[in-house]
Protein backbone atom coordinates (compact mmCIF):
# COMPACT_ATOMS: atom_id res chain seq x y z
CA MET A 1 -0.65 -1.05 27.89
CA ASN A 2 1.62 -0.99 24.59
CA SER A 3 2.88 2.37 23.11
CA LEU A 4 3.20 2.90 19.23
CA ARG A 5 5.04 6.11 17.76
CA VAL A 6 2.83 6.32 14.19
CA VAL A 7 3.60 9.08 11.54
CA VAL A 8 1.35 9.89 8.86
CA THR A 9 1.93 11.96 5.86
CA GLY A 10 -0.02 14.17 3.74
CA ALA A 11 -1.90 14.68 6.86
CA THR A 12 -4.09 17.23 5.35
CA GLY A 13 -5.36 14.76 2.24
CA GLN A 14 -8.59 13.55 2.34
CA VAL A 15 -7.07 10.05 2.93
CA ALA A 16 -5.43 11.27 6.13
CA TYR A 17 -8.32 13.15 7.35
CA ALA A 18 -10.51 9.96 6.85
CA LEU A 19 -7.80 7.74 8.64
CA LEU A 20 -6.46 9.69 11.73
CA PRO A 21 -9.43 9.53 13.98
CA ARG A 22 -9.56 5.51 13.29
CA ILE A 23 -5.90 5.11 14.47
CA ALA A 24 -7.13 7.39 17.15
CA ALA A 25 -9.75 5.40 18.21
CA GLY A 26 -7.65 1.84 18.27
CA GLU A 27 -9.09 0.73 14.98
CA MET A 28 -5.57 0.02 13.43
CA PHE A 29 -3.47 -1.10 16.15
CA GLY A 30 -5.91 -2.46 18.60
CA PRO A 31 -7.62 -1.25 21.93
CA GLU A 32 -4.76 -1.99 24.30
CA THR A 33 -2.42 0.37 22.47
CA GLU A 34 -1.96 4.14 22.69
CA VAL A 35 -0.67 5.74 19.64
CA ASP A 36 1.65 8.88 19.89
CA LEU A 37 0.50 10.38 16.14
CA ARG A 38 2.85 12.18 13.92
CA LEU A 39 1.00 14.32 11.12
CA SER A 40 3.90 15.22 8.81
CA ASP A 41 2.77 17.84 5.75
CA ILE A 42 4.47 20.17 3.94
CA PRO A 43 5.26 23.78 5.19
CA GLN A 44 2.73 25.59 3.69
CA MET A 45 0.06 23.06 4.92
CA ILE A 46 1.00 22.49 8.48
CA ASP A 47 -1.58 25.58 9.81
CA LYS A 48 -4.22 23.24 8.07
CA ALA A 49 -2.57 20.36 9.69
CA LYS A 50 -2.83 21.86 13.15
CA GLY A 51 -6.53 22.10 12.37
CA THR A 52 -7.08 18.72 12.30
CA LEU A 53 -4.57 17.83 15.31
CA MET A 54 -7.00 20.12 17.16
CA GLU A 55 -9.78 18.10 16.39
CA LEU A 56 -8.17 15.25 16.81
CA GLU A 57 -7.40 16.52 20.72
CA ASP A 58 -11.22 17.60 20.73
CA GLY A 59 -11.98 14.14 20.02
CA ALA A 60 -10.71 13.22 23.43
CA PHE A 61 -9.85 9.63 22.20
CA PRO A 62 -8.36 7.71 25.06
CA LEU A 63 -5.80 5.81 23.14
CA LEU A 64 -3.75 9.08 21.79
CA ALA A 65 -1.14 9.58 24.00
CA SER A 66 0.04 12.46 22.19
CA VAL A 67 -0.19 14.31 18.61
CA VAL A 68 2.11 16.63 16.65
CA ALA A 69 2.01 18.26 13.65
CA SER A 70 5.28 19.06 11.47
CA ALA A 71 7.21 19.78 8.47
CA ASP A 72 10.33 18.65 9.94
CA ARG A 73 10.91 15.20 9.66
CA ALA A 74 13.63 14.88 12.25
CA GLU A 75 10.68 15.62 14.57
CA THR A 76 8.01 13.57 13.42
CA HIS A 77 9.81 10.72 11.97
CA HIS A 78 11.83 10.55 15.13
CA ARG A 79 11.98 6.93 16.73
CA ALA A 80 8.76 5.99 14.54
CA ASP A 81 7.44 2.63 14.60
CA TRP A 82 5.14 3.00 11.75
CA VAL A 83 5.51 5.38 8.97
CA LEU A 84 2.43 5.70 6.91
CA LEU A 85 3.61 7.28 3.86
CA VAL A 86 -0.04 8.80 2.68
CA GLY A 87 0.86 11.92 0.72
CA SER A 88 2.20 12.01 -2.44
CA VAL A 89 1.63 14.74 -5.72
CA PRO A 90 -1.29 14.04 -7.28
CA ARG A 91 -1.88 13.18 -11.24
CA GLY A 92 -2.65 16.64 -12.98
CA PRO A 93 -4.31 16.92 -16.02
CA GLY A 94 -2.75 15.73 -19.16
CA MET A 95 -0.02 14.02 -16.78
CA GLU A 96 1.48 10.76 -17.90
CA ARG A 97 2.29 7.69 -15.35
CA GLY A 98 6.07 8.82 -15.87
CA ASP A 99 5.48 12.05 -15.21
CA LEU A 100 3.94 11.01 -11.89
CA ILE A 101 6.69 9.20 -10.98
CA ARG A 102 9.36 11.73 -12.05
CA LYS A 103 7.39 14.54 -10.03
CA ASN A 104 7.48 12.00 -6.92
CA GLY A 105 10.58 10.41 -7.10
CA PRO A 106 12.46 13.35 -5.14
CA ILE A 107 10.11 13.36 -2.40
CA PHE A 108 10.37 9.75 -1.51
CA VAL A 109 13.86 9.58 -2.04
CA GLU A 110 13.77 12.10 1.03
CA GLU A 111 11.44 9.83 3.06
CA GLY A 112 13.98 6.91 2.58
CA LYS A 113 16.53 9.29 3.77
CA ALA A 114 14.50 10.52 6.67
CA ILE A 115 13.54 6.83 7.64
CA GLN A 116 16.97 5.68 7.63
CA ARG A 117 18.10 8.98 9.87
CA TYR A 118 15.35 9.01 12.40
CA ALA A 119 13.20 5.91 12.59
CA SER A 120 13.16 2.92 15.11
CA SER A 121 15.59 -0.30 14.36
CA GLY A 122 12.20 -1.80 14.10
CA VAL A 123 10.57 0.59 11.67
CA ARG A 124 7.73 -0.65 9.56
CA VAL A 125 6.98 1.19 6.32
CA VAL A 126 3.35 1.53 4.17
CA VAL A 127 3.40 3.41 1.26
CA VAL A 128 -0.11 4.60 0.15
CA GLY A 129 0.89 7.57 -2.27
CA ASN A 130 0.78 6.87 -5.93
CA PRO A 131 2.30 5.39 -8.17
CA CYS A 132 2.69 3.12 -4.74
CA ASN A 133 5.11 0.58 -5.88
CA THR A 134 7.29 2.37 -7.29
CA ASN A 135 7.18 5.10 -4.60
CA CYS A 136 7.80 2.23 -2.41
CA LEU A 137 10.75 1.29 -4.43
CA ILE A 138 12.44 4.60 -4.33
CA ALA A 139 12.36 5.00 -0.41
CA HIS A 140 13.33 1.60 0.19
CA ALA A 141 16.46 2.35 -1.69
CA ASN A 142 17.21 5.25 0.32
CA ALA A 143 16.92 3.27 3.40
CA HIS A 144 19.49 1.06 3.53
CA THR A 145 19.65 -0.56 6.62
CA VAL A 146 16.04 -0.77 6.87
CA PRO A 147 15.55 -4.46 6.10
CA ASP A 148 13.24 -5.73 2.98
CA ASN A 149 10.41 -7.04 5.25
CA ALA A 150 9.71 -3.84 6.73
CA TRP A 151 8.37 -2.48 3.32
CA SER A 152 5.12 -2.58 1.83
CA ALA A 153 3.20 -0.95 -0.25
CA MET A 154 -1.05 -0.64 -0.49
CA THR A 155 -3.06 -3.05 -2.76
CA ARG A 156 -5.44 -3.61 -0.22
CA LEU A 157 -8.17 -1.23 -1.94
CA ASP A 158 -7.59 -3.62 -4.88
CA HIS A 159 -8.23 -6.35 -3.11
CA ASN A 160 -10.89 -5.37 -1.35
CA ARG A 161 -12.72 -4.02 -4.22
CA ALA A 162 -11.94 -7.66 -6.02
CA ARG A 163 -13.63 -9.14 -3.30
CA SER A 164 -16.36 -6.99 -2.98
CA LEU A 165 -17.14 -6.90 -6.76
CA LEU A 166 -17.05 -10.51 -6.91
CA ALA A 167 -19.14 -11.39 -3.81
CA ALA A 168 -21.34 -9.08 -5.87
CA LYS A 169 -21.27 -10.68 -8.86
CA ALA A 170 -22.35 -14.30 -7.02
CA LYS A 171 -24.99 -12.60 -5.03
CA THR A 172 -23.19 -13.50 -1.66
CA ARG A 173 -21.23 -11.66 1.47
CA VAL A 174 -17.88 -10.75 1.03
CA SER A 175 -16.76 -12.74 4.02
CA ASP A 176 -17.41 -15.51 1.84
CA VAL A 177 -14.95 -14.80 -0.70
CA LYS A 178 -11.30 -16.18 0.46
CA LYS A 179 -8.30 -16.65 -1.17
CA LEU A 180 -8.36 -14.14 -3.98
CA ALA A 181 -5.02 -11.93 -4.29
CA ILE A 182 -3.69 -8.97 -6.19
CA TRP A 183 -0.64 -9.56 -8.14
CA GLY A 184 1.97 -6.97 -9.74
CA ASN A 185 1.63 -3.16 -10.07
CA HIS A 186 -1.19 -0.60 -8.17
CA SER A 187 -2.37 0.57 -11.70
CA THR A 188 -4.52 -0.69 -14.84
CA THR A 189 -2.44 -3.46 -15.34
CA LEU A 190 -3.22 -4.99 -11.65
CA TYR A 191 -4.61 -8.69 -11.47
CA PRO A 192 -7.10 -9.91 -9.56
CA ASP A 193 -6.11 -13.55 -9.28
CA PHE A 194 -9.76 -15.18 -9.64
CA THR A 195 -8.34 -18.41 -10.55
CA ASN A 196 -7.37 -19.54 -7.19
CA ALA A 197 -10.44 -17.46 -5.11
CA GLU A 198 -12.91 -19.46 -3.39
CA ILE A 199 -16.52 -18.58 -2.72
CA GLY A 200 -18.33 -20.22 -0.33
CA GLY A 201 -15.70 -22.89 0.23
CA LYS A 202 -15.71 -23.35 -4.25
CA ARG A 203 -13.86 -22.69 -6.71
CA ALA A 204 -14.46 -18.61 -7.72
CA ASP A 205 -15.50 -20.04 -11.46
CA GLU A 206 -17.46 -22.68 -10.43
CA VAL A 207 -19.78 -20.11 -9.00
CA VAL A 208 -19.45 -17.20 -11.44
CA ASP A 209 -19.11 -17.80 -15.29
CA ARG A 210 -15.77 -17.70 -16.42
CA ARG A 211 -16.16 -15.79 -19.30
CA TRP A 212 -17.31 -13.06 -17.36
CA LEU A 213 -14.66 -13.07 -15.08
CA GLU A 214 -12.02 -13.07 -18.10
CA ALA A 215 -13.51 -10.55 -20.59
CA GLU A 216 -15.23 -7.88 -17.81
CA TYR A 217 -14.23 -8.63 -13.90
CA ILE A 218 -10.58 -7.94 -14.41
CA GLY A 219 -10.93 -4.64 -16.46
CA ILE A 220 -13.46 -3.40 -13.84
CA VAL A 221 -11.45 -4.14 -11.16
CA GLN A 222 -8.49 -2.24 -12.89
CA GLN A 223 -10.58 0.88 -13.55
CA ARG A 224 -12.92 0.82 -10.41
CA GLY A 225 -10.89 3.90 -9.13
CA ALA A 226 -11.33 5.99 -12.19
CA ALA A 227 -15.27 4.98 -11.85
CA VAL A 228 -15.00 6.82 -8.32
CA ILE A 229 -13.42 9.38 -9.79
CA ALA A 230 -15.98 9.94 -12.66
CA ALA A 231 -19.08 9.38 -9.94
CA ARG A 232 -17.89 11.53 -6.86
CA GLY A 233 -15.78 14.01 -8.92
CA ALA A 234 -12.65 13.38 -6.37
CA SER A 235 -10.87 10.34 -5.81
CA SER A 236 -11.27 7.62 -3.18
CA ALA A 237 -10.81 8.85 0.53
CA PHE A 238 -12.66 6.74 3.03
CA SER A 239 -12.55 3.37 1.27
CA ALA A 240 -8.45 3.65 0.68
CA ALA A 241 -8.42 4.70 4.81
CA GLN A 242 -10.26 1.68 5.60
CA ALA A 243 -7.84 -0.06 3.15
CA LEU A 244 -4.86 0.92 5.13
CA VAL A 245 -6.14 -0.16 8.48
CA ASP A 246 -6.92 -3.38 6.84
CA HIS A 247 -3.68 -3.49 5.51
CA VAL A 248 -1.65 -2.97 8.69
CA ARG A 249 -3.95 -4.98 11.13
CA SER A 250 -3.09 -7.96 8.44
CA LEU A 251 0.39 -7.68 9.02
CA ILE A 252 0.06 -7.26 12.89
CA THR A 253 -2.64 -10.10 12.91
CA PRO A 254 -2.07 -13.83 12.30
CA THR A 255 -3.45 -14.83 8.95
CA PRO A 256 -6.56 -16.86 9.10
CA LYS A 257 -6.31 -20.41 7.94
CA GLY A 258 -7.17 -20.86 4.30
CA ASP A 259 -6.96 -17.52 3.53
CA CYS A 260 -4.75 -14.61 2.26
CA PHE A 261 -4.02 -11.10 1.89
CA SER A 262 -2.42 -8.53 -1.04
CA ALA A 263 0.37 -6.02 -0.58
CA ALA A 264 2.90 -5.52 -2.51
CA ILE A 265 6.43 -6.20 -1.19
CA VAL A 266 10.37 -6.48 -1.95
CA SER A 267 10.24 -9.61 -4.27
CA ASP A 268 12.44 -12.05 -3.06
CA GLY A 269 12.46 -13.60 -6.51
CA SER A 270 9.33 -15.99 -6.15
CA TYR A 271 6.68 -16.58 -9.13
CA GLY A 272 9.38 -14.89 -11.51
CA VAL A 273 9.27 -11.35 -10.45
CA PRO A 274 12.63 -10.04 -10.37
CA LYS A 275 14.42 -9.93 -6.83
CA GLY A 276 14.01 -6.15 -5.65
CA LEU A 277 11.00 -5.64 -7.54
CA VAL A 278 8.32 -4.11 -5.49
CA SER A 279 5.11 -6.00 -6.42
CA SER A 280 1.73 -7.21 -5.12
CA PHE A 281 1.53 -11.12 -4.08
CA PRO A 282 -0.59 -13.14 -2.03
CA LEU A 283 0.82 -12.94 1.52
CA HIS A 284 0.64 -14.63 4.78
CA SER A 285 1.50 -13.09 8.25
CA ARG A 286 2.36 -14.49 11.91
CA GLY A 287 0.91 -11.52 13.52
CA ASP A 288 4.47 -9.69 13.84
CA GLY A 289 3.99 -6.94 11.32
CA GLY A 290 6.12 -8.65 8.70
CA TRP A 291 4.66 -10.93 5.56
CA GLN A 292 6.05 -14.23 3.75
CA ILE A 293 4.86 -14.85 0.22
CA VAL A 294 2.07 -17.42 -0.16
CA PRO A 295 4.08 -20.75 -1.59
CA ASN A 296 3.10 -23.05 -4.30
CA VAL A 297 0.26 -20.62 -5.79
CA GLN A 298 -0.88 -22.55 -9.06
CA LEU A 299 -1.24 -20.15 -11.91
CA ASP A 300 -2.57 -21.31 -15.10
CA ASP A 301 -1.39 -19.83 -18.70
CA PHE A 302 -4.17 -16.95 -18.22
CA ALA A 303 -2.82 -15.85 -14.76
CA LYS A 304 0.94 -16.64 -15.78
CA GLY A 305 0.30 -14.04 -18.85
CA LYS A 306 -1.65 -11.37 -16.75
CA VAL A 307 1.30 -11.20 -13.91
CA ALA A 308 3.70 -11.14 -16.39
CA ALA A 309 2.38 -8.14 -17.77
CA THR A 310 1.94 -6.13 -15.11
CA VAL A 311 5.37 -7.38 -13.75
CA THR A 312 6.96 -5.83 -16.86
CA GLU A 313 5.16 -2.68 -16.35
CA LEU A 314 7.03 -2.75 -12.81
CA GLU A 315 10.37 -3.22 -14.57
CA LYS A 316 9.39 -0.05 -16.89
CA GLU A 317 9.06 2.15 -14.18
CA ARG A 318 12.09 0.75 -11.97
CA ASP A 319 13.97 1.81 -15.13
CA LEU A 320 12.42 4.84 -15.32
CA VAL A 321 13.87 5.97 -12.13
CA ASN A 322 17.07 3.91 -11.92
CA PRO A 323 19.94 5.46 -13.73
CA ALA A 324 21.79 2.31 -14.07
CA GLY A 325 18.68 0.74 -16.13
CA ARG A 326 17.87 -2.91 -15.52
CA ARG A 327 20.51 -3.45 -12.96
CA SER A 328 19.25 -5.78 -10.08
CA LEU A 329 18.66 -4.11 -6.80
CA SER A 330 19.95 -7.41 -5.10
CA ALA A 331 23.69 -6.37 -6.69
CA GLY A 332 23.50 -3.13 -4.28
CA ARG A 333 20.81 -0.64 -3.74
CA TRP A 334 20.91 2.62 -5.46
CA PRO A 335 22.77 5.05 -3.47
CA ASP A 336 20.11 7.83 -4.66
CA VAL A 337 17.58 7.35 -6.84
CA ARG A 338 16.17 10.61 -8.33
CA PRO A 339 14.26 10.63 -11.54
CA ARG A 340 15.88 11.59 -14.94
CA ARG A 341 15.35 15.03 -15.75
């Protein structure tokens, strides 16, 4: 039986609470893989994390080989195979997105350094804590020997929302929606690409009115997180946990022929997205934990405009945390990425 060392940060948060038993039950890594689970959080939350640890122990999960809770990254990240960076500072009242980036920047500097120093040579890192694209950019820049294809940030919740909403409009099953991808930032500028999506083997805009897709659908997907908060009084939790399970499984399972999945990854310059920027793309996986950008996706002028807008936002976020301004990351990663005060 295989065994993996898995770190979950923000272990006392709602998303982690929904996620941890599913990892322990084998839903993420499969029924043939034991998990050494490490719960990471800030020092003042470790007592609470130990309560979650006790619940995991009480669950008597056959695949849970061991579990620890600690604020010491030297302990939690030691020889880690997967680091799931779920925790981040949430957006507070009156806080602009730039404020959120500045608040989270130092946290992800330290996460990157810890991954560089302690994790296994084959580590895979998934950033969930928002703003996840730029948090991933920061952590990646501070883990100098961890290769680009080890990093991803989660736009899978947007992907799942986009498929579900499109299926509902078409009055069909989610499984009938294929080739739909999220481009760009995990923000209100994200672009769910319906122009290349298929519903039951037909082009999406042959099944659903393109006018609705352009005028309403994109905005509904972009604002879905805010709608959940307005209705529930809290941000998405178990749907985010489901998305993270799906995200990892898409990386460790070969992508079915004729389909793709979405994740934000370190751009290699494809589709005009600047090299080094962490942006969502349509992806394939061979099932080895890595990814490949789907080649030769045809984007019409409408789609190109939407992709350009979300990439522009990502560039602005990069410039906010990069003291060197627009210097290409390909020229050398930042030695330390700290938000300007």
